[in-house]
C-alpha cells in the first residue's frame, strides 16, 4: 500500500513538472478591501502542456475573449468564452511549435498578454 501511495505521488508531481507557465502581463483586476484599500491582485494563470493551453481563473469571469497569434501576428485561434468558472482548455493543432505564439485575454476592462 505504501509503495502505491509513493508511486502515485511521484506520478502526479511529474505531470506538473512538464507544464510551462505562461507569464501574463497587463492591467490586472484587484480585489477591493473593506477599508477602501486595494487588496490582493487576482490574475488568471495560463499553462501550456503538449499542445494544450489551459486558463485557470480565481473567480467567475463572463465573456472572456481569447486570441492566440503566431509570431507574424496572424490569428490562429479566437473565441469568446461566455462563462469560465475554474478553468478552460484549448487544444492547439499538432503543427503548433511552442515559443512562437502569443495569447491575449480580455474581459471587462482587463487586457492581458503572454507568450509561449
PDB file of N, CA and C in Angstrom:
ATOM      1  N   UNK A   1       0.822  -1.196   0.000  1.00  0.00           N
ATOM      2  CA  UNK A   1       0.000   0.000   0.000  1.00  0.00           C
ATOM      3  C   UNK A   1       0.869   1.264   0.000  1.00  0.00           C
ATOM      4  N   UNK A   2       1.925   1.225   0.823  1.00  0.00           N
ATOM      5  CA  UNK A   2       2.819   2.367   0.913  1.00  0.00           C
ATOM      6  C   UNK A   2       3.500   2.633  -0.428  1.00  0.00           C
ATOM      7  N   UNK A   3       3.885   1.564  -1.133  1.00  0.00           N
ATOM      8  CA  UNK A   3       4.544   1.708  -2.424  1.00  0.00           C
ATOM      9  C   UNK A   3       3.594   2.331  -3.443  1.00  0.00           C
ATOM     10  N   UNK A   4       2.331   1.933  -3.400  1.00  0.00           N
ATOM     11  CA  UNK A   4       1.341   2.502  -4.326  1.00  0.00           C
ATOM     12  C   UNK A   4       1.150   3.991  -4.073  1.00  0.00           C
ATOM     13  N   UNK A   5       1.103   4.377  -2.821  1.00  0.00           N
ATOM     14  CA  UNK A   5       0.930   5.789  -2.464  1.00  0.00           C
ATOM     15  C   UNK A   5       2.120   6.621  -2.935  1.00  0.00           C
ATOM     16  N   UNK A   6       3.338   6.112  -2.712  1.00  0.00           N
ATOM     17  CA  UNK A   6       4.549   6.820  -3.138  1.00  0.00           C
ATOM     18  C   UNK A   6       4.581   6.925  -4.664  1.00  0.00           C
ATOM     19  N   UNK A   7       4.232   5.856  -5.360  1.00  0.00           N
ATOM     20  CA  UNK A   7       4.206   5.867  -6.820  1.00  0.00           C
ATOM     21  C   UNK A   7       3.188   6.880  -7.336  1.00  0.00           C
ATOM     22  N   UNK A   8       2.035   6.935  -6.712  1.00  0.00           N
ATOM     23  CA  UNK A   8       1.002   7.896  -7.103  1.00  0.00           C
ATOM     24  C   UNK A   8       1.492   9.335  -6.923  1.00  0.00           C
ATOM     25  N   UNK A   9       2.147   9.625  -5.825  1.00  0.00           N
ATOM     26  CA  UNK A   9       2.686  10.975  -5.574  1.00  0.00           C
ATOM     27  C   UNK A   9       3.729  11.327  -6.629  1.00  0.00           C
ATOM     28  N   UNK A  10       4.612  10.402  -6.944  1.00  0.00           N
ATOM     29  CA  UNK A  10       5.664  10.658  -7.936  1.00  0.00           C
ATOM     30  C   UNK A  10       5.044  10.921  -9.300  1.00  0.00           C
ATOM     31  N   UNK A  11       4.066  10.121  -9.692  1.00  0.00           N
ATOM     32  CA  UNK A  11       3.409  10.311 -10.989  1.00  0.00           C
ATOM     33  C   UNK A  11       2.685  11.649 -11.068  1.00  0.00           C
ATOM     34  N   UNK A  12       1.968  12.020 -10.030  1.00  0.00           N
ATOM     35  CA  UNK A  12       1.249  13.290 -10.031  1.00  0.00           C
ATOM     36  C   UNK A  12       2.212  14.470 -10.070  1.00  0.00           C
ATOM     37  N   UNK A  13       3.292  14.406  -9.334  1.00  0.00           N
ATOM     38  CA  UNK A  13       4.236  15.520  -9.342  1.00  0.00           C
ATOM     39  C   UNK A  13       4.939  15.635 -10.681  1.00  0.00           C
ATOM     40  N   UNK A  14       5.166  14.522 -11.373  1.00  0.00           N
ATOM     41  CA  UNK A  14       5.823  14.586 -12.677  1.00  0.00           C
ATOM     42  C   UNK A  14       4.922  15.207 -13.726  1.00  0.00           C
ATOM     43  N   UNK A  15       3.621  15.057 -13.602  1.00  0.00           N
ATOM     44  CA  UNK A  15       2.688  15.681 -14.544  1.00  0.00           C
ATOM     45  C   UNK A  15       2.818  17.190 -14.479  1.00  0.00           C
ATOM     46  N   UNK A  16       2.928  17.745 -13.288  1.00  0.00           N
ATOM     47  CA  UNK A  16       3.004  19.185 -13.128  1.00  0.00           C
ATOM     48  C   UNK A  16       4.377  19.738 -13.513  1.00  0.00           C
ATOM     49  N   UNK A  17       5.402  18.909 -13.547  1.00  0.00           N
ATOM     50  CA  UNK A  17       6.741  19.369 -13.928  1.00  0.00           C
ATOM     51  C   UNK A  17       6.824  19.738 -15.399  1.00  0.00           C
ATOM     52  N   UNK A  18       5.997  19.138 -16.247  1.00  0.00           N
ATOM     53  CA  UNK A  18       6.079  19.367 -17.679  1.00  0.00           C
ATOM     54  C   UNK A  18       5.256  20.551 -18.150  1.00  0.00           C
ATOM     55  N   UNK A  19       4.458  21.143 -17.316  1.00  0.00           N
ATOM     56  CA  UNK A  19       3.647  22.294 -17.709  1.00  0.00           C
ATOM     57  C   UNK A  19       4.506  23.550 -17.732  1.00  0.00           C
ATOM     58  N   UNK A  20       4.330  24.348 -18.779  1.00  0.00           N
ATOM     59  CA  UNK A  20       5.029  25.619 -18.881  1.00  0.00           C
ATOM     60  C   UNK A  20       4.070  26.732 -18.489  1.00  0.00           C
ATOM     61  N   UNK A  21       4.409  27.460 -17.426  1.00  0.00           N
ATOM     62  CA  UNK A  21       3.600  28.607 -17.037  1.00  0.00           C
ATOM     63  C   UNK A  21       3.835  29.721 -18.043  1.00  0.00           C
ATOM     64  N   UNK A  22       2.758  30.339 -18.481  1.00  0.00           N
ATOM     65  CA  UNK A  22       2.848  31.477 -19.384  1.00  0.00           C
ATOM     66  C   UNK A  22       2.675  32.720 -18.526  1.00  0.00           C
ATOM     67  N   UNK A  23       3.695  33.545 -18.460  1.00  0.00           N
ATOM     68  CA  UNK A  23       3.620  34.769 -17.663  1.00  0.00           C
ATOM     69  C   UNK A  23       2.756  35.789 -18.381  1.00  0.00           C
ATOM     70  N   UNK A  24       1.676  36.189 -17.746  1.00  0.00           N
ATOM     71  CA  UNK A  24       0.754  37.157 -18.321  1.00  0.00           C
ATOM     72  C   UNK A  24       1.114  38.543 -17.806  1.00  0.00           C
ATOM     73  N   UNK A  25       1.114  39.514 -18.701  1.00  0.00           N
ATOM     74  CA  UNK A  25       1.362  40.898 -18.319  1.00  0.00           C
ATOM     75  C   UNK A  25       0.191  41.739 -18.785  1.00  0.00           C
ATOM     76  N   UNK A  26      -0.032  42.846 -18.115  1.00  0.00           N
ATOM     77  CA  UNK A  26      -1.126  43.736 -18.493  1.00  0.00           C
ATOM     78  C   UNK A  26      -1.694  44.441 -17.291  1.00  0.00           C
ATOM     79  N   UNK A  27      -2.960  44.761 -17.369  1.00  0.00           N
ATOM     80  CA  UNK A  27      -3.661  45.523 -16.347  1.00  0.00           C
ATOM     81  C   UNK A  27      -4.512  44.568 -15.516  1.00  0.00           C
ATOM     82  N   UNK A  28      -4.012  44.116 -14.350  1.00  0.00           N
ATOM     83  CA  UNK A  28      -4.746  43.116 -13.574  1.00  0.00           C
ATOM     84  C   UNK A  28      -5.912  43.686 -12.789  1.00  0.00           C
ATOM     85  N   UNK A  29      -6.929  42.853 -12.537  1.00  0.00           N
ATOM     86  CA  UNK A  29      -8.011  43.274 -11.650  1.00  0.00           C
ATOM     87  C   UNK A  29      -7.531  43.256 -10.207  1.00  0.00           C
ATOM     88  N   UNK A  30      -8.198  43.977  -9.345  1.00  0.00           N
ATOM     89  CA  UNK A  30      -7.837  43.998  -7.930  1.00  0.00           C
ATOM     90  C   UNK A  30      -9.075  43.721  -7.098  1.00  0.00           C
ATOM     91  N   UNK A  31      -8.850  43.001  -6.008  1.00  0.00           N
ATOM     92  CA  UNK A  31      -9.911  42.750  -5.050  1.00  0.00           C
ATOM     93  C   UNK A  31      -9.978  43.963  -4.123  1.00  0.00           C
ATOM     94  N   UNK A  32     -11.146  44.528  -3.997  1.00  0.00           N
ATOM     95  CA  UNK A  32     -11.305  45.735  -3.166  1.00  0.00           C
ATOM     96  C   UNK A  32     -11.363  45.343  -1.699  1.00  0.00           C
ATOM     97  N   UNK A  33     -10.503  45.923  -0.874  1.00  0.00           N
ATOM     98  CA  UNK A  33     -10.502  45.653   0.559  1.00  0.00           C
ATOM     99  C   UNK A  33     -11.662  46.361   1.239  1.00  0.00           C
ATOM    100  N   UNK A  34     -12.001  45.927   2.442  1.00  0.00           N
ATOM    101  CA  UNK A  34     -13.125  46.501   3.162  1.00  0.00           C
ATOM    102  C   UNK A  34     -12.919  47.954   3.553  1.00  0.00           C
ATOM    103  N   UNK A  35     -11.662  48.401   3.693  1.00  0.00           N
ATOM    104  CA  UNK A  35     -11.408  49.773   4.111  1.00  0.00           C
ATOM    105  C   UNK A  35     -11.078  50.686   2.932  1.00  0.00           C
ATOM    106  N   UNK A  36     -11.335  50.231   1.706  1.00  0.00           N
ATOM    107  CA  UNK A  36     -11.087  51.067   0.531  1.00  0.00           C
ATOM    108  C   UNK A  36      -9.714  50.885  -0.072  1.00  0.00           C
ATOM    109  N   UNK A  37      -8.838  50.147   0.603  1.00  0.00           N
ATOM    110  CA  UNK A  37      -7.509  49.884   0.043  1.00  0.00           C
ATOM    111  C   UNK A  37      -7.586  48.739  -0.951  1.00  0.00           C
ATOM    112  N   UNK A  38      -6.706  48.800  -1.937  1.00  0.00           N
ATOM    113  CA  UNK A  38      -6.668  47.700  -2.896  1.00  0.00           C
ATOM    114  C   UNK A  38      -6.111  46.465  -2.211  1.00  0.00           C
ATOM    115  N   UNK A  39      -6.703  45.324  -2.528  1.00  0.00           N
ATOM    116  CA  UNK A  39      -6.279  44.067  -1.925  1.00  0.00           C
ATOM    117  C   UNK A  39      -5.331  43.307  -2.820  1.00  0.00           C
ATOM    118  N   UNK A  40      -5.381  42.018  -2.718  1.00  0.00           N
ATOM    119  CA  UNK A  40      -4.515  41.119  -3.463  1.00  0.00           C
ATOM    120  C   UNK A  40      -4.849  41.170  -4.957  1.00  0.00           C
ATOM    121  N   UNK A  41      -3.821  41.117  -5.804  1.00  0.00           N
ATOM    122  CA  UNK A  41      -4.017  41.074  -7.246  1.00  0.00           C
ATOM    123  C   UNK A  41      -4.492  39.684  -7.639  1.00  0.00           C
ATOM    124  N   UNK A  42      -5.564  39.615  -8.392  1.00  0.00           N
ATOM    125  CA  UNK A  42      -6.142  38.346  -8.822  1.00  0.00           C
ATOM    126  C   UNK A  42      -6.046  38.233 -10.338  1.00  0.00           C
ATOM    127  N   UNK A  43      -5.094  37.457 -10.828  1.00  0.00           N
ATOM    128  CA  UNK A  43      -4.889  37.286 -12.261  1.00  0.00           C
ATOM    129  C   UNK A  43      -5.224  35.865 -12.688  1.00  0.00           C
ATOM    130  N   UNK A  44      -5.801  35.708 -13.869  1.00  0.00           N
ATOM    131  CA  UNK A  44      -5.891  34.359 -14.428  1.00  0.00           C
ATOM    132  C   UNK A  44      -4.471  33.857 -14.698  1.00  0.00           C
ATOM    133  N   UNK A  45      -4.274  32.566 -14.609  1.00  0.00           N
ATOM    134  CA  UNK A  45      -2.985  31.976 -14.954  1.00  0.00           C
ATOM    135  C   UNK A  45      -3.180  31.084 -16.172  1.00  0.00           C
ATOM    136  N   UNK A  46      -2.122  30.934 -16.952  1.00  0.00           N
ATOM    137  CA  UNK A  46      -2.188  30.155 -18.183  1.00  0.00           C
ATOM    138  C   UNK A  46      -1.014  29.184 -18.201  1.00  0.00           C
ATOM    139  N   UNK A  47      -1.299  27.926 -18.547  1.00  0.00           N
ATOM    140  CA  UNK A  47      -0.274  26.895 -18.696  1.00  0.00           C
ATOM    141  C   UNK A  47      -0.327  26.337 -20.107  1.00  0.00           C
ATOM    142  N   UNK A  48       0.830  25.927 -20.616  1.00  0.00           N
ATOM    143  CA  UNK A  48       0.920  25.270 -21.914  1.00  0.00           C
ATOM    144  C   UNK A  48       1.600  23.926 -21.719  1.00  0.00           C
ATOM    145  N   UNK A  49       0.912  22.830 -22.088  1.00  0.00           N
ATOM    146  CA  UNK A  49       1.445  21.484 -21.957  1.00  0.00           C
ATOM    147  C   UNK A  49       1.032  20.661 -23.173  1.00  0.00           C
ATOM    148  N   UNK A  50       2.030  20.177 -23.904  1.00  0.00           N
ATOM    149  CA  UNK A  50       1.788  19.256 -25.021  1.00  0.00           C
ATOM    150  C   UNK A  50       0.669  19.702 -25.951  1.00  0.00           C
ATOM    151  N   UNK A  51       0.719  20.923 -26.423  1.00  0.00           N
ATOM    152  CA  UNK A  51      -0.255  21.404 -27.382  1.00  0.00           C
ATOM    153  C   UNK A  51      -1.583  21.837 -26.789  1.00  0.00           C
ATOM    154  N   UNK A  52      -1.662  21.899 -25.478  1.00  0.00           N
ATOM    155  CA  UNK A  52      -2.900  22.310 -24.816  1.00  0.00           C
ATOM    156  C   UNK A  52      -2.644  23.531 -23.944  1.00  0.00           C
ATOM    157  N   UNK A  53      -3.422  24.577 -24.158  1.00  0.00           N
ATOM    158  CA  UNK A  53      -3.352  25.799 -23.356  1.00  0.00           C
ATOM    159  C   UNK A  53      -4.515  25.742 -22.362  1.00  0.00           C
ATOM    160  N   UNK A  54      -4.210  25.893 -21.078  1.00  0.00           N
ATOM    161  CA  UNK A  54      -5.242  25.861 -20.046  1.00  0.00           C
ATOM    162  C   UNK A  54      -5.232  27.183 -19.298  1.00  0.00           C
ATOM    163  N   UNK A  55      -6.406  27.796 -19.220  1.00  0.00           N
ATOM    164  CA  UNK A  55      -6.580  29.059 -18.498  1.00  0.00           C
ATOM    165  C   UNK A  55      -7.257  28.748 -17.169  1.00  0.00           C
ATOM    166  N   UNK A  56      -6.636  29.171 -16.075  1.00  0.00           N
ATOM    167  CA  UNK A  56      -7.199  28.995 -14.733  1.00  0.00           C
ATOM    168  C   UNK A  56      -7.604  30.368 -14.214  1.00  0.00           C
ATOM    169  N   UNK A  57      -8.804  30.464 -13.646  1.00  0.00           N
ATOM    170  CA  UNK A  57      -9.268  31.751 -13.121  1.00  0.00           C
ATOM    171  C   UNK A  57      -9.590  31.618 -11.637  1.00  0.00           C
ATOM    172  N   UNK A  58      -9.292  32.659 -10.828  1.00  0.00           N
ATOM    173  CA  UNK A  58      -9.540  32.602  -9.389  1.00  0.00           C
ATOM    174  C   UNK A  58     -10.968  32.972  -9.008  1.00  0.00           C
ATOM    175  N   UNK A  59     -11.789  33.340  -9.982  1.00  0.00           N
ATOM    176  CA  UNK A  59     -13.176  33.712  -9.741  1.00  0.00           C
ATOM    177  C   UNK A  59     -13.916  33.594 -11.067  1.00  0.00           C
ATOM    178  N   UNK A  60     -15.234  33.645 -11.044  1.00  0.00           N
ATOM    179  CA  UNK A  60     -16.008  33.531 -12.279  1.00  0.00           C
ATOM    180  C   UNK A  60     -15.789  34.744 -13.170  1.00  0.00           C
ATOM    181  N   UNK A  61     -15.532  34.489 -14.447  1.00  0.00           N
ATOM    182  CA  UNK A  61     -15.366  35.561 -15.433  1.00  0.00           C
ATOM    183  C   UNK A  61     -16.366  35.315 -16.554  1.00  0.00           C
ATOM    184  N   UNK A  62     -17.093  36.357 -16.924  1.00  0.00           N
ATOM    185  CA  UNK A  62     -18.053  36.276 -18.023  1.00  0.00           C
ATOM    186  C   UNK A  62     -17.461  36.934 -19.264  1.00  0.00           C
ATOM    187  N   UNK A  63     -17.745  36.345 -20.413  1.00  0.00           N
ATOM    188  CA  UNK A  63     -17.346  36.902 -21.711  1.00  0.00           C
ATOM    189  C   UNK A  63     -15.856  37.198 -21.808  1.00  0.00           C
ATOM    190  N   UNK A  64     -15.046  36.165 -21.625  1.00  0.00           N
ATOM    191  CA  UNK A  64     -13.592  36.302 -21.761  1.00  0.00           C
ATOM    192  C   UNK A  64     -13.213  36.061 -23.219  1.00  0.00           C
ATOM    193  N   UNK A  65     -12.591  37.054 -23.842  1.00  0.00           N
ATOM    194  CA  UNK A  65     -12.108  36.923 -25.220  1.00  0.00           C
ATOM    195  C   UNK A  65     -10.689  36.373 -25.183  1.00  0.00           C
ATOM    196  N   UNK A  66     -10.440  35.318 -25.966  1.00  0.00           N
ATOM    197  CA  UNK A  66      -9.127  34.690 -26.029  1.00  0.00           C
ATOM    198  C   UNK A  66      -8.678  34.670 -27.486  1.00  0.00           C
ATOM    199  N   UNK A  67      -7.469  35.171 -27.728  1.00  0.00           N
ATOM    200  CA  UNK A  67      -6.904  35.174 -29.076  1.00  0.00           C
ATOM    201  C   UNK A  67      -5.475  34.644 -29.001  1.00  0.00           C
ATOM    202  N   UNK A  68      -5.161  33.676 -29.871  1.00  0.00           N
ATOM    203  CA  UNK A  68      -3.815  33.138 -29.971  1.00  0.00           C
ATOM    204  C   UNK A  68      -3.292  33.499 -31.352  1.00  0.00           C
ATOM    205  N   UNK A  69      -2.104  34.135 -31.378  1.00  0.00           N
ATOM    206  CA  UNK A  69      -1.491  34.597 -32.634  1.00  0.00           C
ATOM    207  C   UNK A  69      -0.115  33.951 -32.808  1.00  0.00           C
ATOM    208  N   UNK A  70       0.292  33.800 -34.084  1.00  0.00           N
ATOM    209  CA  UNK A  70       1.646  33.313 -34.341  1.00  0.00           C
ATOM    210  C   UNK A  70       2.637  34.479 -34.285  1.00  0.00           C
ATOM    211  N   UNK A  71       3.926  34.204 -34.545  1.00  0.00           N
ATOM    212  CA  UNK A  71       4.926  35.253 -34.403  1.00  0.00           C
ATOM    213  C   UNK A  71       4.847  36.314 -35.499  1.00  0.00           C
ATOM    214  N   UNK A  72       4.041  36.093 -36.559  1.00  0.00           N
ATOM    215  CA  UNK A  72       3.795  37.125 -37.564  1.00  0.00           C
ATOM    216  C   UNK A  72       2.543  37.940 -37.253  1.00  0.00           C
ATOM    217  N   UNK A  73       1.849  37.596 -36.166  1.00  0.00           N
ATOM    218  CA  UNK A  73       0.658  38.323 -35.760  1.00  0.00           C
ATOM    219  C   UNK A  73      -0.639  37.794 -36.339  1.00  0.00           C
ATOM    220  N   UNK A  74      -0.575  36.681 -37.081  1.00  0.00           N
ATOM    221  CA  UNK A  74      -1.791  36.117 -37.653  1.00  0.00           C
ATOM    222  C   UNK A  74      -2.558  35.338 -36.591  1.00  0.00           C
ATOM    223  N   UNK A  75      -3.879  35.486 -36.601  1.00  0.00           N
ATOM    224  CA  UNK A  75      -4.737  34.829 -35.610  1.00  0.00           C
ATOM    225  C   UNK A  75      -4.855  33.342 -35.943  1.00  0.00           C
ATOM    226  N   UNK A  76      -4.476  32.495 -34.980  1.00  0.00           N
ATOM    227  CA  UNK A  76      -4.620  31.048 -35.121  1.00  0.00           C
ATOM    228  C   UNK A  76      -5.875  30.547 -34.437  1.00  0.00           C
ATOM    229  N   UNK A  77      -6.288  31.250 -33.385  1.00  0.00           N
ATOM    230  CA  UNK A  77      -7.447  30.829 -32.599  1.00  0.00           C
ATOM    231  C   UNK A  77      -8.050  32.062 -31.958  1.00  0.00           C
ATOM    232  N   UNK A  78      -9.354  32.170 -32.035  1.00  0.00           N
ATOM    233  CA  UNK A  78     -10.036  33.297 -31.404  1.00  0.00           C
ATOM    234  C   UNK A  78     -11.436  32.860 -30.990  1.00  0.00           C
ATOM    235  N   UNK A  79     -11.801  33.179 -29.771  1.00  0.00           N
ATOM    236  CA  UNK A  79     -13.121  32.826 -29.271  1.00  0.00           C
ATOM    237  C   UNK A  79     -13.500  33.739 -28.108  1.00  0.00           C
ATOM    238  N   UNK A  80     -14.763  33.752 -27.787  1.00  0.00           N
ATOM    239  CA  UNK A  80     -15.254  34.396 -26.570  1.00  0.00           C
ATOM    240  C   UNK A  80     -15.888  33.300 -25.730  1.00  0.00           C
ATOM    241  N   UNK A  81     -15.364  33.123 -24.524  1.00  0.00           N
ATOM    242  CA  UNK A  81     -15.882  32.113 -23.606  1.00  0.00           C
ATOM    243  C   UNK A  81     -16.967  32.790 -22.772  1.00  0.00           C
ATOM    244  N   UNK A  82     -18.236  32.354 -22.907  1.00  0.00           N
ATOM    245  CA  UNK A  82     -19.337  33.038 -22.209  1.00  0.00           C
ATOM    246  C   UNK A  82     -19.164  33.077 -20.691  1.00  0.00           C
ATOM    247  N   UNK A  83     -18.823  31.933 -20.088  1.00  0.00           N
ATOM    248  CA  UNK A  83     -18.623  31.873 -18.627  1.00  0.00           C
ATOM    249  C   UNK A  83     -17.478  30.911 -18.364  1.00  0.00           C
ATOM    250  N   UNK A  84     -16.515  31.354 -17.586  1.00  0.00           N
ATOM    251  CA  UNK A  84     -15.430  30.480 -17.160  1.00  0.00           C
ATOM    252  C   UNK A  84     -15.391  30.513 -15.636  1.00  0.00           C
ATOM    253  N   UNK A  85     -15.525  29.326 -15.014  1.00  0.00           N
ATOM    254  CA  UNK A  85     -15.607  29.248 -13.559  1.00  0.00           C
ATOM    255  C   UNK A  85     -14.270  28.899 -12.914  1.00  0.00           C
ATOM    256  N   UNK A  86     -13.601  27.878 -13.389  1.00  0.00           N
ATOM    257  CA  UNK A  86     -12.354  27.432 -12.786  1.00  0.00           C
ATOM    258  C   UNK A  86     -11.256  27.366 -13.834  1.00  0.00           C
ATOM    259  N   UNK A  87     -11.528  26.647 -14.933  1.00  0.00           N
ATOM    260  CA  UNK A  87     -10.521  26.515 -15.977  1.00  0.00           C
ATOM    261  C   UNK A  87     -11.185  26.276 -17.322  1.00  0.00           C
ATOM    262  N   UNK A  88     -10.408  26.559 -18.373  1.00  0.00           N
ATOM    263  CA  UNK A  88     -10.860  26.318 -19.739  1.00  0.00           C
ATOM    264  C   UNK A  88      -9.643  25.880 -20.536  1.00  0.00           C
ATOM    265  N   UNK A  89      -9.766  24.792 -21.291  1.00  0.00           N
ATOM    266  CA  UNK A  89      -8.640  24.273 -22.063  1.00  0.00           C
ATOM    267  C   UNK A  89      -8.869  24.475 -23.550  1.00  0.00           C
ATOM    268  N   UNK A  90      -7.778  24.775 -24.253  1.00  0.00           N
ATOM    269  CA  UNK A  90      -7.780  24.957 -25.700  1.00  0.00           C
ATOM    270  C   UNK A  90      -6.729  24.015 -26.262  1.00  0.00           C
ATOM    271  N   UNK A  91      -7.149  23.096 -27.141  1.00  0.00           N
ATOM    272  CA  UNK A  91      -6.212  22.174 -27.780  1.00  0.00           C
ATOM    273  C   UNK A  91      -5.788  22.789 -29.100  1.00  0.00           C
ATOM    274  N   UNK A  92      -4.476  22.986 -29.262  1.00  0.00           N
ATOM    275  CA  UNK A  92      -3.933  23.587 -30.473  1.00  0.00           C
ATOM    276  C   UNK A  92      -3.612  22.503 -31.502  1.00  0.00           C
ATOM    277  N   UNK A  93      -3.588  22.854 -32.779  1.00  0.00           N
ATOM    278  CA  UNK A  93      -3.238  21.867 -33.813  1.00  0.00           C
ATOM    279  C   UNK A  93      -1.839  21.290 -33.575  1.00  0.00           C
ATOM    280  N   UNK A  94      -1.586  20.089 -34.115  1.00  0.00           N
ATOM    281  CA  UNK A  94      -0.309  19.402 -33.906  1.00  0.00           C
ATOM    282  C   UNK A  94       0.887  20.182 -34.437  1.00  0.00           C
ATOM    283  N   UNK A  95       0.690  21.010 -35.444  1.00  0.00           N
ATOM    284  CA  UNK A  95       1.814  21.707 -36.055  1.00  0.00           C
ATOM    285  C   UNK A  95       2.230  22.974 -35.302  1.00  0.00           C
ATOM    286  N   UNK A  96       1.601  23.262 -34.181  1.00  0.00           N
ATOM    287  CA  UNK A  96       1.961  24.440 -33.381  1.00  0.00           C
ATOM    288  C   UNK A  96       3.259  24.154 -32.630  1.00  0.00           C
ATOM    289  N   UNK A  97       4.238  25.041 -32.784  1.00  0.00           N
ATOM    290  CA  UNK A  97       5.536  24.913 -32.134  1.00  0.00           C
ATOM    291  C   UNK A  97       5.618  25.944 -31.006  1.00  0.00           C
ATOM    292  N   UNK A  98       5.927  25.486 -29.798  1.00  0.00           N
ATOM    293  CA  UNK A  98       5.992  26.390 -28.641  1.00  0.00           C
ATOM    294  C   UNK A  98       7.044  27.475 -28.852  1.00  0.00           C
ATOM    295  N   UNK A  99       6.945  28.547 -28.083  1.00  0.00           N
ATOM    296  CA  UNK A  99       7.851  29.695 -28.098  1.00  0.00           C
ATOM    297  C   UNK A  99       7.705  30.557 -29.348  1.00  0.00           C
ATOM    298  N   UNK A 100       6.597  30.422 -30.053  1.00  0.00           N
ATOM    299  CA  UNK A 100       6.394  31.237 -31.237  1.00  0.00           C
ATOM    300  C   UNK A 100       5.003  31.870 -31.258  1.00  0.00           C
ATOM    301  N   UNK A 101       4.296  31.867 -30.144  1.00  0.00           N
ATOM    302  CA  UNK A 101       2.921  32.329 -30.143  1.00  0.00           C
ATOM    303  C   UNK A 101       2.628  33.241 -28.959  1.00  0.00           C
ATOM    304  N   UNK A 102       1.601  34.061 -29.123  1.00  0.00           N
ATOM    305  CA  UNK A 102       1.139  34.904 -28.021  1.00  0.00           C
ATOM    306  C   UNK A 102      -0.310  34.563 -27.741  1.00  0.00           C
ATOM    307  N   UNK A 103      -0.709  34.761 -26.494  1.00  0.00           N
ATOM    308  CA  UNK A 103      -2.105  34.593 -26.106  1.00  0.00           C
ATOM    309  C   UNK A 103      -2.556  35.900 -25.489  1.00  0.00           C
ATOM    310  N   UNK A 104      -3.700  36.398 -25.943  1.00  0.00           N
ATOM    311  CA  UNK A 104      -4.291  37.620 -25.407  1.00  0.00           C
ATOM    312  C   UNK A 104      -5.615  37.257 -24.753  1.00  0.00           C
ATOM    313  N   UNK A 105      -5.802  37.771 -23.552  1.00  0.00           N
ATOM    314  CA  UNK A 105      -7.035  37.550 -22.804  1.00  0.00           C
ATOM    315  C   UNK A 105      -7.617  38.916 -22.467  1.00  0.00           C
ATOM    316  N   UNK A 106      -8.909  39.078 -22.725  1.00  0.00           N
ATOM    317  CA  UNK A 106      -9.573  40.346 -22.404  1.00  0.00           C
ATOM    318  C   UNK A 106     -10.947  40.050 -21.811  1.00  0.00           C
ATOM    319  N   UNK A 107     -11.283  40.751 -20.742  1.00  0.00           N
ATOM    320  CA  UNK A 107     -12.613  40.685 -20.134  1.00  0.00           C
ATOM    321  C   UNK A 107     -12.799  41.951 -19.318  1.00  0.00           C
ATOM    322  N   UNK A 108     -14.042  42.374 -19.204  1.00  0.00           N
ATOM    323  CA  UNK A 108     -14.342  43.652 -18.548  1.00  0.00           C
ATOM    324  C   UNK A 108     -13.416  44.719 -19.121  1.00  0.00           C
ATOM    325  N   UNK A 109     -12.641  45.391 -18.284  1.00  0.00           N
ATOM    326  CA  UNK A 109     -11.677  46.375 -18.788  1.00  0.00           C
ATOM    327  C   UNK A 109     -10.236  45.871 -18.600  1.00  0.00           C
ATOM    328  N   UNK A 110     -10.065  44.557 -18.524  1.00  0.00           N
ATOM    329  CA  UNK A 110      -8.775  43.915 -18.305  1.00  0.00           C
ATOM    330  C   UNK A 110      -8.239  43.376 -19.628  1.00  0.00           C
ATOM    331  N   UNK A 111      -6.952  43.636 -19.915  1.00  0.00           N
ATOM    332  CA  UNK A 111      -6.297  43.135 -21.112  1.00  0.00           C
ATOM    333  C   UNK A 111      -4.941  42.562 -20.713  1.00  0.00           C
ATOM    334  N   UNK A 112      -4.735  41.268 -20.974  1.00  0.00           N
ATOM    335  CA  UNK A 112      -3.502  40.580 -20.609  1.00  0.00           C
ATOM    336  C   UNK A 112      -2.907  39.909 -21.839  1.00  0.00           C
ATOM    337  N   UNK A 113      -1.582  39.753 -21.861  1.00  0.00           N
ATOM    338  CA  UNK A 113      -0.910  39.061 -22.953  1.00  0.00           C
ATOM    339  C   UNK A 113       0.227  38.234 -22.381  1.00  0.00           C
ATOM    340  N   UNK A 114       0.469  37.081 -23.006  1.00  0.00           N
ATOM    341  CA  UNK A 114       1.573  36.212 -22.617  1.00  0.00           C
ATOM    342  C   UNK A 114       2.120  35.527 -23.856  1.00  0.00           C
ATOM    343  N   UNK A 115       3.339  34.980 -23.750  1.00  0.00           N
ATOM    344  CA  UNK A 115       3.989  34.328 -24.888  1.00  0.00           C
ATOM    345  C   UNK A 115       4.379  32.918 -24.522  1.00  0.00           C
ATOM    346  N   UNK A 116       4.252  32.040 -25.498  1.00  0.00           N
ATOM    347  CA  UNK A 116       4.692  30.638 -25.299  1.00  0.00           C
ATOM    348  C   UNK A 116       5.247  30.100 -26.592  1.00  0.00           C
TER     349      UNK A 116
END
